[in-house]
Structures are given as C-alpha cells and as structure tokens.
Amino acid sequence: MPRKRLLRPERLRRVPGQFSWIDQRLVREGYLQRCGPEALALYLLLVTVADAQGLSYYGDASVCRLLSIRPEHLQSARAVLLGAGLIAYERPLYQVLALDPPRPPRCDGIQTVQAALERVRALQPLPARP
C-alpha cells in the first residue's frame, strides 16, 4: 500500500466544536445545496472511511460499487466536491478537507479604513518578527 501523505496539511480536519464529526456548517453555509445527491453520497462515503487525518485510498471501481453509480457519475461527483473545496484528490488518494474558516460577519454600511484593516488583521495574524 502506498504511504499516506496529507495533500492539504493546512486544511487538516478536526472534530468541530458542536460535537459532530460532520461539520454543521455544511448545512448552515449552503454546501449541501451546491452538491447533488451523488456528490453528497461520495462525501458521506469518504467521511465514513477516512482516517483521523481525513485520508483514504479507494479506487474508482470500489467507490462505484459501494455507491451503485457509473464511473462518469463518480467523476462528476468528485468534480463537484473538488469545486466546493470539500475534498482534495490525487489518484488514488482522497483527503476530506476542513471547511474554510467561518466567514466574518457582514458589515452593513460604510466603515473606516482602520476598522477594515483591524478586521483583516483579526482574521490573519502577522508572523512574529525576530
């Protein structure tokens, strides 16, 4: 068996704060609405079989058999999940990705440049200087 490696280490998934392994933001932030039934079935399979780092090796034939779908439907489902940023894939390795950080609250109206910069800094801290 090939050695596993993280495809996107910066997106290593962790158990979300609300206690379920499947992040509730999939519903709240509209991920489920953007994915069709076959993409969602593939996502559920990958979440179920992945190790603690979200990694799994499942060949196309096995996935098609498990999900009862044709190879072209698997390719389409995989493309949807890749486009949604839910998985990374380098044949034959899948990685279920952590969801992007929560979106900052929307700001209605005009804000000062200083306030905008403070919000950006809060999202992405600067590295420490030596």
Protein backbone atom coordinates (compact mmCIF):
# COMPACT_ATOMS: atom_id res chain seq x y z
CA MET A 1 0.00 0.00 0.00
CA PRO A 2 1.37 3.47 -0.84
CA ARG A 3 2.41 5.72 2.02
CA LYS A 4 -0.27 8.21 3.00
CA ARG A 5 0.52 11.90 2.97
CA LEU A 6 -1.60 14.95 3.56
CA LEU A 7 -2.49 16.64 0.30
CA ARG A 8 -3.52 19.87 2.02
CA PRO A 9 -1.98 19.95 5.53
CA GLU A 10 -3.31 23.45 6.17
CA ARG A 11 -6.84 22.02 5.86
CA LEU A 12 -6.46 19.06 8.25
CA ARG A 13 -9.91 18.41 9.65
CA ARG A 14 -10.63 18.35 13.35
CA VAL A 15 -13.75 17.49 15.31
CA PRO A 16 -15.94 20.64 15.20
CA GLY A 17 -16.94 22.36 18.42
CA GLN A 18 -20.59 21.32 18.15
CA PHE A 19 -19.61 17.65 18.74
CA SER A 20 -20.46 16.01 15.43
CA TRP A 21 -17.67 14.82 13.14
CA ILE A 22 -19.58 16.18 10.18
CA ASP A 23 -19.43 19.95 10.48
CA GLN A 24 -22.85 21.59 10.76
CA ARG A 25 -21.62 24.41 8.53
CA LEU A 26 -22.23 22.02 5.63
CA VAL A 27 -25.89 22.89 6.13
CA ARG A 28 -25.65 26.43 7.51
CA GLU A 29 -23.29 27.72 4.80
CA GLY A 30 -25.09 26.06 1.88
CA TYR A 31 -22.58 23.35 0.93
CA LEU A 32 -25.34 20.74 0.75
CA GLN A 33 -27.38 22.89 -1.59
CA ARG A 34 -24.44 23.19 -4.00
CA CYS A 35 -23.88 19.43 -4.22
CA GLY A 36 -26.11 16.88 -5.92
CA PRO A 37 -27.11 13.51 -4.43
CA GLU A 38 -24.17 11.59 -5.93
CA ALA A 39 -21.63 14.15 -4.70
CA LEU A 40 -23.19 14.01 -1.23
CA ALA A 41 -23.10 10.20 -1.28
CA LEU A 42 -19.42 10.31 -2.22
CA TYR A 43 -18.73 12.82 0.56
CA LEU A 44 -20.52 10.63 3.12
CA LEU A 45 -18.53 7.60 1.98
CA LEU A 46 -15.24 9.49 2.22
CA VAL A 47 -16.05 10.92 5.67
CA THR A 48 -17.02 7.44 6.84
CA VAL A 49 -13.93 5.58 5.59
CA ALA A 50 -11.29 8.27 6.14
CA ASP A 51 -8.70 8.01 8.87
CA ALA A 52 -8.18 10.67 11.55
CA GLN A 53 -6.44 12.93 9.03
CA GLY A 54 -9.27 12.64 6.51
CA LEU A 55 -7.26 10.37 4.21
CA SER A 56 -8.43 7.31 2.33
CA TYR A 57 -7.47 5.19 -0.65
CA TYR A 58 -10.48 3.92 -2.53
CA GLY A 59 -10.24 3.06 -6.18
CA ASP A 60 -12.88 4.19 -8.64
CA ALA A 61 -14.21 0.66 -9.11
CA SER A 62 -14.73 0.21 -5.35
CA VAL A 63 -16.39 3.60 -4.96
CA CYS A 64 -18.71 2.96 -7.92
CA ARG A 65 -19.64 -0.44 -6.49
CA LEU A 66 -20.26 0.93 -2.99
CA LEU A 67 -22.36 3.84 -4.23
CA SER A 68 -24.03 1.98 -7.11
CA ILE A 69 -23.01 4.64 -9.61
CA ARG A 70 -21.35 4.63 -13.01
CA PRO A 71 -17.75 5.84 -13.47
CA GLU A 72 -18.81 9.02 -15.30
CA HIS A 73 -21.11 9.89 -12.39
CA LEU A 74 -18.24 9.35 -9.96
CA GLN A 75 -16.06 11.73 -11.96
CA SER A 76 -18.82 14.33 -11.93
CA ALA A 77 -19.46 13.90 -8.19
CA ARG A 78 -15.75 14.19 -7.44
CA ALA A 79 -15.52 17.36 -9.54
CA VAL A 80 -18.39 18.90 -7.57
CA LEU A 81 -16.69 18.15 -4.24
CA LEU A 82 -13.35 19.46 -5.50
CA GLY A 83 -15.05 22.64 -6.73
CA ALA A 84 -16.79 23.12 -3.40
CA GLY A 85 -13.47 22.78 -1.57
CA LEU A 86 -14.67 19.76 0.41
CA ILE A 87 -12.02 17.28 -0.76
CA ALA A 88 -8.57 17.10 -2.30
CA TYR A 89 -7.80 14.26 -4.70
CA GLU A 90 -4.66 12.87 -6.27
CA ARG A 91 -5.39 9.43 -7.62
CA PRO A 92 -5.79 7.21 -5.66
CA LEU A 93 -5.64 9.37 -2.52
CA TYR A 94 -8.60 11.34 -1.18
CA GLN A 95 -8.43 13.87 1.63
CA VAL A 96 -11.60 15.18 3.26
CA LEU A 97 -10.80 18.82 3.96
CA ALA A 98 -11.66 21.03 6.87
CA LEU A 99 -14.16 23.67 5.88
CA ASP A 100 -12.83 27.13 5.31
CA PRO A 101 -12.69 29.30 8.43
CA PRO A 102 -16.08 30.79 9.32
CA ARG A 103 -16.91 33.86 7.28
CA PRO A 104 -16.62 37.15 9.15
CA PRO A 105 -19.92 38.86 9.89
CA ARG A 106 -21.14 41.09 7.10
CA CYS A 107 -20.84 44.78 7.74
CA ASP A 108 -23.74 46.88 6.54
CA GLY A 109 -22.95 50.47 5.70
CA ILE A 110 -19.68 52.33 5.49
CA GLN A 111 -16.71 51.50 7.66
CA THR A 112 -13.45 53.28 8.21
CA VAL A 113 -10.27 52.01 6.61
CA GLN A 114 -8.87 51.45 10.10
CA ALA A 115 -11.85 49.28 11.09
CA ALA A 116 -11.50 47.26 7.88
CA LEU A 117 -7.78 46.71 8.50
CA GLU A 118 -8.44 45.62 12.08
CA ARG A 119 -10.95 43.04 10.84
CA VAL A 120 -8.44 41.70 8.30
CA ARG A 121 -5.68 41.53 10.94
CA ALA A 122 -8.01 39.64 13.28
CA LEU A 123 -8.59 37.02 10.58
CA GLN A 124 -4.94 36.59 9.64
CA PRO A 125 -2.38 37.40 12.35
CA LEU A 126 1.01 38.62 11.14
CA PRO A 127 4.02 36.38 11.81
CA ALA A 128 6.20 37.39 14.74
CA ARG A 129 9.26 39.45 13.90
CA PRO A 130 12.67 38.18 15.09
